[in-house]
N, C-alpha and C. Protein backbone atom coordinates (compact mmCIF):
# COMPACT_ATOMS: atom_id res chain seq x y z
N UNK A 1 -65.25 -45.82 35.66
CA UNK A 1 -63.87 -45.96 35.30
C UNK A 1 -63.33 -44.63 34.79
N UNK A 2 -62.23 -44.19 35.37
CA UNK A 2 -61.64 -42.90 35.00
C UNK A 2 -60.66 -43.07 33.84
N UNK A 3 -60.68 -42.06 32.95
CA UNK A 3 -59.75 -42.09 31.82
C UNK A 3 -58.39 -41.59 32.27
N UNK A 4 -57.37 -42.25 31.78
CA UNK A 4 -56.01 -41.82 32.10
C UNK A 4 -55.49 -40.93 30.98
N UNK A 5 -54.81 -39.84 31.39
CA UNK A 5 -54.21 -38.93 30.41
C UNK A 5 -52.92 -39.54 29.90
N UNK A 6 -52.70 -39.38 28.61
CA UNK A 6 -51.44 -39.86 28.04
C UNK A 6 -50.35 -38.83 28.29
N UNK A 7 -49.23 -39.28 28.70
CA UNK A 7 -48.07 -38.41 28.91
C UNK A 7 -47.41 -38.16 27.56
N UNK A 8 -47.05 -36.89 27.27
CA UNK A 8 -46.34 -36.65 26.01
C UNK A 8 -44.96 -37.31 26.05
N UNK A 9 -44.52 -37.73 24.88
CA UNK A 9 -43.21 -38.39 24.78
C UNK A 9 -42.10 -37.37 25.03
N UNK A 10 -41.07 -37.75 25.77
CA UNK A 10 -39.96 -36.81 26.00
C UNK A 10 -39.21 -36.57 24.69
N UNK A 11 -38.63 -35.35 24.60
CA UNK A 11 -37.88 -35.00 23.41
C UNK A 11 -36.65 -35.89 23.31
N UNK A 12 -36.34 -36.33 22.10
CA UNK A 12 -35.15 -37.16 21.94
C UNK A 12 -33.87 -36.37 22.23
N UNK A 13 -32.84 -37.10 22.63
CA UNK A 13 -31.56 -36.49 22.96
C UNK A 13 -30.98 -35.72 21.78
N UNK A 14 -31.20 -36.19 20.56
CA UNK A 14 -30.66 -35.53 19.37
C UNK A 14 -31.21 -34.11 19.21
N UNK A 15 -32.49 -33.92 19.57
CA UNK A 15 -33.07 -32.57 19.50
C UNK A 15 -32.38 -31.63 20.48
N UNK A 16 -32.09 -32.10 21.68
CA UNK A 16 -31.40 -31.28 22.67
C UNK A 16 -29.98 -30.94 22.21
N UNK A 17 -29.30 -31.87 21.60
CA UNK A 17 -27.95 -31.62 21.09
C UNK A 17 -27.99 -30.58 19.97
N UNK A 18 -28.93 -30.72 19.04
CA UNK A 18 -29.05 -29.76 17.94
C UNK A 18 -29.38 -28.36 18.47
N UNK A 19 -30.28 -28.28 19.43
CA UNK A 19 -30.62 -26.98 20.01
C UNK A 19 -29.42 -26.35 20.71
N UNK A 20 -28.64 -27.17 21.42
CA UNK A 20 -27.45 -26.66 22.10
C UNK A 20 -26.41 -26.15 21.11
N UNK A 21 -26.21 -26.88 20.01
CA UNK A 21 -25.26 -26.43 18.98
C UNK A 21 -25.73 -25.13 18.32
N UNK A 22 -27.01 -25.03 18.07
CA UNK A 22 -27.55 -23.79 17.50
C UNK A 22 -27.36 -22.60 18.42
N UNK A 23 -27.62 -22.80 19.70
CA UNK A 23 -27.42 -21.73 20.69
C UNK A 23 -25.95 -21.33 20.76
N UNK A 24 -25.05 -22.31 20.75
CA UNK A 24 -23.62 -22.01 20.80
C UNK A 24 -23.19 -21.21 19.58
N UNK A 25 -23.70 -21.58 18.40
CA UNK A 25 -23.34 -20.85 17.17
C UNK A 25 -23.84 -19.41 17.22
N UNK A 26 -25.06 -19.20 17.68
CA UNK A 26 -25.62 -17.85 17.78
C UNK A 26 -24.82 -17.01 18.77
N UNK A 27 -24.50 -17.57 19.92
CA UNK A 27 -23.71 -16.83 20.91
C UNK A 27 -22.32 -16.49 20.39
N UNK A 28 -21.71 -17.40 19.62
CA UNK A 28 -20.40 -17.14 19.04
C UNK A 28 -20.46 -15.96 18.06
N UNK A 29 -21.45 -15.96 17.17
CA UNK A 29 -21.60 -14.87 16.19
C UNK A 29 -21.84 -13.54 16.90
N UNK A 30 -22.70 -13.53 17.89
CA UNK A 30 -22.96 -12.30 18.64
C UNK A 30 -21.68 -11.82 19.33
N UNK A 31 -20.89 -12.74 19.88
CA UNK A 31 -19.63 -12.37 20.52
C UNK A 31 -18.63 -11.77 19.56
N UNK A 32 -18.50 -12.35 18.37
CA UNK A 32 -17.56 -11.83 17.37
C UNK A 32 -17.98 -10.44 16.92
N UNK A 33 -19.26 -10.25 16.63
CA UNK A 33 -19.75 -8.94 16.19
C UNK A 33 -19.58 -7.91 17.31
N UNK A 34 -19.87 -8.30 18.53
CA UNK A 34 -19.70 -7.38 19.66
C UNK A 34 -18.25 -6.97 19.87
N UNK A 35 -17.33 -7.95 19.75
CA UNK A 35 -15.90 -7.64 19.90
C UNK A 35 -15.44 -6.67 18.82
N UNK A 36 -15.87 -6.89 17.58
CA UNK A 36 -15.49 -5.99 16.49
C UNK A 36 -16.07 -4.59 16.70
N UNK A 37 -17.29 -4.52 17.19
CA UNK A 37 -17.90 -3.21 17.42
C UNK A 37 -17.18 -2.43 18.50
N UNK A 38 -16.68 -3.13 19.51
CA UNK A 38 -16.00 -2.47 20.62
C UNK A 38 -14.56 -2.12 20.28
N UNK A 39 -13.85 -3.04 19.63
CA UNK A 39 -12.41 -2.86 19.45
C UNK A 39 -12.01 -2.23 18.13
N UNK A 40 -12.87 -2.19 17.13
CA UNK A 40 -12.49 -1.66 15.82
C UNK A 40 -12.34 -0.15 15.87
N UNK A 41 -11.34 0.34 15.15
CA UNK A 41 -11.16 1.78 15.03
C UNK A 41 -12.08 2.26 13.91
N UNK A 42 -12.97 3.19 14.19
CA UNK A 42 -14.00 3.55 13.21
C UNK A 42 -13.47 4.25 11.96
N UNK A 43 -12.44 5.05 12.09
CA UNK A 43 -11.97 5.82 10.94
C UNK A 43 -10.57 5.43 10.50
N UNK A 44 -10.23 4.16 10.59
CA UNK A 44 -8.89 3.74 10.21
C UNK A 44 -8.75 3.77 8.69
N UNK A 45 -7.67 4.37 8.23
CA UNK A 45 -7.41 4.47 6.80
C UNK A 45 -6.72 3.21 6.29
N UNK A 46 -6.97 2.85 5.03
CA UNK A 46 -6.27 1.68 4.49
C UNK A 46 -4.79 1.97 4.30
N UNK A 47 -3.97 0.95 4.42
CA UNK A 47 -2.53 1.04 4.17
C UNK A 47 -2.24 0.10 3.01
N UNK A 48 -2.07 0.66 1.82
CA UNK A 48 -1.98 -0.14 0.59
C UNK A 48 -0.55 -0.27 0.10
N UNK A 49 -0.17 -1.49 -0.23
CA UNK A 49 1.11 -1.78 -0.87
C UNK A 49 0.82 -2.46 -2.20
N UNK A 50 1.63 -2.15 -3.22
CA UNK A 50 1.44 -2.74 -4.55
C UNK A 50 2.73 -3.45 -4.95
N UNK A 51 2.60 -4.71 -5.38
CA UNK A 51 3.75 -5.50 -5.80
C UNK A 51 3.45 -6.17 -7.13
N UNK A 52 4.42 -6.18 -8.03
CA UNK A 52 4.29 -6.93 -9.28
C UNK A 52 4.45 -8.41 -8.96
N UNK A 53 3.61 -9.24 -9.58
CA UNK A 53 3.69 -10.68 -9.32
C UNK A 53 4.26 -11.44 -10.51
N UNK A 54 3.97 -10.99 -11.73
CA UNK A 54 4.55 -11.65 -12.91
C UNK A 54 4.37 -10.77 -14.14
N UNK A 55 5.14 -11.09 -15.18
CA UNK A 55 5.06 -10.39 -16.47
C UNK A 55 4.75 -11.44 -17.53
N UNK A 56 3.77 -11.14 -18.38
CA UNK A 56 3.38 -12.08 -19.43
C UNK A 56 3.25 -11.34 -20.76
N UNK A 57 3.65 -11.97 -21.87
CA UNK A 57 3.40 -11.35 -23.17
C UNK A 57 1.91 -11.30 -23.45
N UNK A 58 1.47 -10.26 -24.14
CA UNK A 58 0.06 -10.09 -24.52
C UNK A 58 0.00 -9.63 -25.97
N UNK A 59 -1.19 -9.60 -26.53
CA UNK A 59 -1.36 -9.20 -27.93
C UNK A 59 -0.87 -7.77 -28.18
N UNK A 60 -1.08 -6.90 -27.22
CA UNK A 60 -0.71 -5.49 -27.39
C UNK A 60 0.60 -5.15 -26.70
N UNK A 61 1.41 -6.12 -26.32
CA UNK A 61 2.66 -5.83 -25.63
C UNK A 61 2.87 -6.80 -24.48
N UNK A 62 2.85 -6.27 -23.26
CA UNK A 62 3.10 -7.08 -22.07
C UNK A 62 2.11 -6.71 -20.97
N UNK A 63 1.78 -7.68 -20.16
CA UNK A 63 0.90 -7.46 -19.00
C UNK A 63 1.72 -7.69 -17.74
N UNK A 64 1.69 -6.72 -16.85
CA UNK A 64 2.30 -6.86 -15.54
C UNK A 64 1.18 -7.13 -14.55
N UNK A 65 1.14 -8.35 -14.03
CA UNK A 65 0.16 -8.69 -13.00
C UNK A 65 0.65 -8.12 -11.68
N UNK A 66 -0.28 -7.58 -10.90
CA UNK A 66 0.11 -7.00 -9.62
C UNK A 66 -0.87 -7.44 -8.54
N UNK A 67 -0.44 -7.24 -7.29
CA UNK A 67 -1.27 -7.54 -6.14
C UNK A 67 -1.26 -6.33 -5.22
N UNK A 68 -2.44 -5.92 -4.80
CA UNK A 68 -2.59 -4.83 -3.82
C UNK A 68 -2.86 -5.49 -2.48
N UNK A 69 -2.07 -5.13 -1.47
CA UNK A 69 -2.21 -5.68 -0.13
C UNK A 69 -2.62 -4.56 0.80
N UNK A 70 -3.73 -4.76 1.50
CA UNK A 70 -4.20 -3.78 2.48
C UNK A 70 -3.74 -4.25 3.86
N UNK A 71 -2.81 -3.51 4.46
CA UNK A 71 -2.20 -3.89 5.73
C UNK A 71 -2.96 -3.39 6.95
N UNK A 72 -4.09 -2.71 6.76
CA UNK A 72 -4.87 -2.23 7.89
C UNK A 72 -6.29 -2.78 7.79
N UNK A 73 -7.10 -2.48 8.80
CA UNK A 73 -8.48 -2.96 8.77
C UNK A 73 -9.42 -1.99 8.06
N UNK A 74 -8.91 -0.83 7.63
CA UNK A 74 -9.73 0.11 6.87
C UNK A 74 -9.93 -0.37 5.45
N UNK A 75 -11.11 -0.17 4.89
CA UNK A 75 -11.40 -0.61 3.53
C UNK A 75 -11.18 0.51 2.53
N UNK A 76 -10.93 0.12 1.29
CA UNK A 76 -10.70 1.09 0.22
C UNK A 76 -11.50 0.68 -1.01
N UNK A 77 -12.11 1.65 -1.66
CA UNK A 77 -12.85 1.41 -2.89
C UNK A 77 -12.24 2.28 -3.99
N UNK A 78 -12.45 1.88 -5.24
CA UNK A 78 -11.95 2.62 -6.40
C UNK A 78 -10.47 2.96 -6.26
N UNK A 79 -9.67 1.96 -5.98
CA UNK A 79 -8.24 2.15 -5.76
C UNK A 79 -7.54 2.33 -7.11
N UNK A 80 -6.92 3.47 -7.30
CA UNK A 80 -6.20 3.78 -8.54
C UNK A 80 -4.76 3.29 -8.42
N UNK A 81 -4.33 2.44 -9.36
CA UNK A 81 -2.97 1.91 -9.39
C UNK A 81 -2.28 2.45 -10.63
N UNK A 82 -1.05 2.93 -10.46
CA UNK A 82 -0.27 3.45 -11.58
C UNK A 82 1.05 2.70 -11.67
N UNK A 83 1.41 2.35 -12.89
CA UNK A 83 2.69 1.73 -13.15
C UNK A 83 3.48 2.58 -14.12
N UNK A 84 4.76 2.81 -13.83
CA UNK A 84 5.63 3.61 -14.68
C UNK A 84 6.82 2.78 -15.11
N UNK A 85 7.08 2.78 -16.42
CA UNK A 85 8.21 2.06 -17.00
C UNK A 85 8.89 3.03 -17.96
N UNK A 86 9.91 3.72 -17.45
CA UNK A 86 10.57 4.75 -18.25
C UNK A 86 9.59 5.88 -18.54
N UNK A 87 9.34 6.14 -19.85
CA UNK A 87 8.40 7.20 -20.25
C UNK A 87 6.97 6.67 -20.36
N UNK A 88 6.79 5.39 -20.21
CA UNK A 88 5.48 4.77 -20.41
C UNK A 88 4.75 4.64 -19.06
N UNK A 89 3.46 5.00 -19.07
CA UNK A 89 2.65 4.93 -17.87
C UNK A 89 1.37 4.15 -18.16
N UNK A 90 0.96 3.32 -17.22
CA UNK A 90 -0.28 2.56 -17.34
C UNK A 90 -1.00 2.64 -16.01
N UNK A 91 -2.33 2.57 -16.05
CA UNK A 91 -3.09 2.65 -14.79
C UNK A 91 -4.27 1.68 -14.83
N UNK A 92 -4.73 1.34 -13.64
CA UNK A 92 -5.88 0.45 -13.47
C UNK A 92 -6.62 0.87 -12.21
N UNK A 93 -7.87 0.46 -12.12
CA UNK A 93 -8.69 0.74 -10.95
C UNK A 93 -9.17 -0.58 -10.36
N UNK A 94 -8.93 -0.77 -9.08
CA UNK A 94 -9.43 -1.93 -8.34
C UNK A 94 -10.69 -1.48 -7.62
N UNK A 95 -11.79 -2.18 -7.84
CA UNK A 95 -13.08 -1.75 -7.28
C UNK A 95 -13.08 -1.69 -5.76
N UNK A 96 -12.51 -2.71 -5.10
CA UNK A 96 -12.64 -2.78 -3.65
C UNK A 96 -11.51 -3.62 -3.07
N UNK A 97 -10.90 -3.12 -2.01
CA UNK A 97 -9.91 -3.89 -1.25
C UNK A 97 -10.35 -3.85 0.21
N UNK A 98 -10.78 -4.98 0.70
CA UNK A 98 -11.26 -5.06 2.09
C UNK A 98 -10.09 -4.90 3.06
N UNK A 99 -10.41 -4.65 4.31
CA UNK A 99 -9.38 -4.55 5.33
C UNK A 99 -8.66 -5.86 5.51
N UNK A 100 -7.35 -5.80 5.66
CA UNK A 100 -6.50 -6.98 5.84
C UNK A 100 -6.71 -8.00 4.73
N UNK A 101 -6.84 -7.52 3.49
CA UNK A 101 -7.10 -8.41 2.35
C UNK A 101 -6.19 -8.06 1.17
N UNK A 102 -6.34 -8.82 0.10
CA UNK A 102 -5.55 -8.64 -1.10
C UNK A 102 -6.47 -8.58 -2.31
N UNK A 103 -6.00 -7.90 -3.36
CA UNK A 103 -6.72 -7.86 -4.64
C UNK A 103 -5.69 -7.89 -5.75
N UNK A 104 -6.08 -8.42 -6.90
CA UNK A 104 -5.15 -8.53 -8.03
C UNK A 104 -5.66 -7.74 -9.22
N UNK A 105 -4.73 -7.43 -10.11
CA UNK A 105 -5.06 -6.73 -11.35
C UNK A 105 -3.90 -6.83 -12.31
N UNK A 106 -3.99 -6.08 -13.39
CA UNK A 106 -2.92 -6.10 -14.38
C UNK A 106 -2.79 -4.76 -15.08
N UNK A 107 -1.59 -4.46 -15.54
CA UNK A 107 -1.29 -3.24 -16.29
C UNK A 107 -0.68 -3.62 -17.63
N UNK A 108 -1.07 -2.93 -18.69
CA UNK A 108 -0.53 -3.18 -20.02
C UNK A 108 0.60 -2.20 -20.33
N UNK A 109 1.68 -2.73 -20.92
CA UNK A 109 2.80 -1.92 -21.37
C UNK A 109 3.18 -2.37 -22.77
N UNK A 110 3.62 -1.43 -23.60
CA UNK A 110 4.07 -1.76 -24.95
C UNK A 110 5.45 -2.42 -24.92
N UNK A 111 6.30 -2.01 -23.98
CA UNK A 111 7.66 -2.53 -23.87
C UNK A 111 7.75 -3.59 -22.79
N UNK A 112 8.74 -4.46 -22.93
CA UNK A 112 8.95 -5.53 -21.95
C UNK A 112 9.55 -4.94 -20.67
N UNK A 113 8.87 -5.06 -19.52
CA UNK A 113 9.38 -4.48 -18.28
C UNK A 113 10.44 -5.32 -17.57
N UNK A 114 10.67 -6.54 -18.03
CA UNK A 114 11.65 -7.40 -17.36
C UNK A 114 13.05 -6.81 -17.51
N UNK A 115 13.74 -6.71 -16.39
CA UNK A 115 15.09 -6.17 -16.38
C UNK A 115 15.15 -4.65 -16.40
N UNK A 116 14.01 -3.99 -16.35
CA UNK A 116 13.94 -2.52 -16.33
C UNK A 116 13.32 -2.07 -15.01
N UNK A 117 13.44 -0.79 -14.74
CA UNK A 117 12.90 -0.24 -13.49
C UNK A 117 11.40 0.02 -13.66
N UNK A 118 10.61 -0.81 -13.02
CA UNK A 118 9.16 -0.70 -13.03
C UNK A 118 8.72 -0.19 -11.66
N UNK A 119 7.97 0.89 -11.65
CA UNK A 119 7.47 1.45 -10.39
C UNK A 119 5.96 1.31 -10.35
N UNK A 120 5.45 0.70 -9.28
CA UNK A 120 4.02 0.56 -9.06
C UNK A 120 3.65 1.29 -7.78
N UNK A 121 2.51 1.98 -7.82
CA UNK A 121 2.06 2.69 -6.62
C UNK A 121 0.56 2.91 -6.67
N UNK A 122 -0.01 3.03 -5.49
CA UNK A 122 -1.42 3.38 -5.37
C UNK A 122 -1.54 4.90 -5.38
N UNK A 123 -2.38 5.43 -6.27
CA UNK A 123 -2.54 6.88 -6.37
C UNK A 123 -3.60 7.42 -5.41
N UNK A 124 -4.64 6.65 -5.17
CA UNK A 124 -5.70 7.13 -4.30
C UNK A 124 -6.80 6.10 -4.17
N UNK A 125 -7.78 6.41 -3.33
CA UNK A 125 -8.91 5.51 -3.06
C UNK A 125 -10.09 6.33 -2.56
N UNK A 126 -11.23 5.67 -2.48
CA UNK A 126 -12.42 6.25 -1.86
C UNK A 126 -12.77 5.39 -0.65
N UNK A 127 -13.41 6.01 0.33
CA UNK A 127 -13.89 5.23 1.47
C UNK A 127 -15.31 4.76 1.13
N UNK A 128 -15.57 3.46 1.28
CA UNK A 128 -16.90 2.95 0.93
C UNK A 128 -17.96 3.31 1.95
């Protein structure tokens, strides 16, 4: 009498679906990275805009909250922000503003900036 070999059980359909989803996810990530590598400008400089968002009283005077908007895909590090209110000047440093992103911060002033000419600007940055 000859022994019969057992046939291995076929893989369940759920395993094939999971493998297909995993393959699709990997191909998508590779495609996105490849597109960025081909189409990105390697030395694009950041384009920074600074806007005041609100003014709040603080223990030492007033805080002007601001938002830095990077309008390009270039990144900026150590972004120096300066605010001028008459003769008074305040500054802050934002550690990092990614490309096409926003960052927030605040500047302290002794006088109330509401109703006065407040000027905010980015003084400089480093490339990371």
